[in-house]
Amino acid sequence: MKTQPAGRSVFWLSFPIAALVVVTSWAGLFWPSTYAQETLNWATQGRGGDVVNVALVVPVLVVSATLALRGSQPARLVWMGSLLYLLYNFIIYTLAVHFNALFLIYCGTLGLSFYALAGSLPSLPAEEIARSYGPGAPAKTVALVFLVLASLAAVGWLQEDIPALLSHQTPQNIKDLGLLTNPVHVLDLALLLPGLVVTAIMLLRRKVLGFVFAPALITFMMLMSAQLAALIVVMGLKGFGTEYGMAGLFAALAVGFAVLLARFFAGKDQSPQATSSDQYPNAA
């Protein structure tokens, strides 16, 4: 299945986005003033994210955009997932990193990522995607994974936040980061985790949009799992108490999501039959 020509020009934004991400990553890794105002904990996490951004996210973004320009629909969905990852991370860079020389570059990356993603939606052939991949997609498996991860993450964050609220104290993780709030908790509890749950429900109900959002979110979770693995390793190298087994777990999750994404696209229906329904047959 090929992308519609009318919506392909937006993929060209990927290349300036990639260039900006390379600049911010290089500065974070090699320009000390970038994180000079942050706590050691938060600065170390920033550098761990910079490693993943330049080593993994930029290649995924550029390759998927290039293939999407050539008409690949799976590449387009992976591209959407990489932009979701950049939106998530550059919201954090713009709002939770002290004002520095990269501020406008952070804003530019965030804005371009948002408008690239938003600009791609009007030409997105959602029904074609669901018709091609829905019948063979591991919908129940993906839905279960999303529900389990959303539940575990919600419990993990709320068991830190609720006791602090009840005791009128600031959570220790926020003190360690030197921030006003934990931006990861904000984005996860407000946006990401509900999004995983809603997508899981749509998949279980065989809704069209479930088959569009699912591969993008799988890509997002793959990149985020790789980032978490890198953060743990970098934190350990900087002398923070670190369980490297957790790094291995997140690395395994990243690989697992890559396999799940491959399974999703491997089930493409080659038949020419069309359907006007917004629901598709069950798949395991």
Foldseek 3Di string as FASTA:
>chain_A
DFFDPVQLVLLVLLVVLLVLLLVLLCCLQPPCVQQVPWFPLQSLLVNLLSVLSNPPLSVLLVVLSVVNSVTDPLSVLLNLLSLVLLLLVLVCVQPPGPDDPCNVSSVVSNVSSVCSNVSNPVRDPLQVLCQFQVVQAQLQVLLVVLLVVLVVVVVVVCVQVVVCVVVVHDGPVCVNGVGPHDSVCVCSVPPVSVVSNVLSVCSVQQFSVSSSNRLSNLSNLLSVLQSVLSSQVSCVVVPDDGDNVSSVVSPVSSVVSVVSSVSSNVRTDPDPDHDPDRGDDDYD
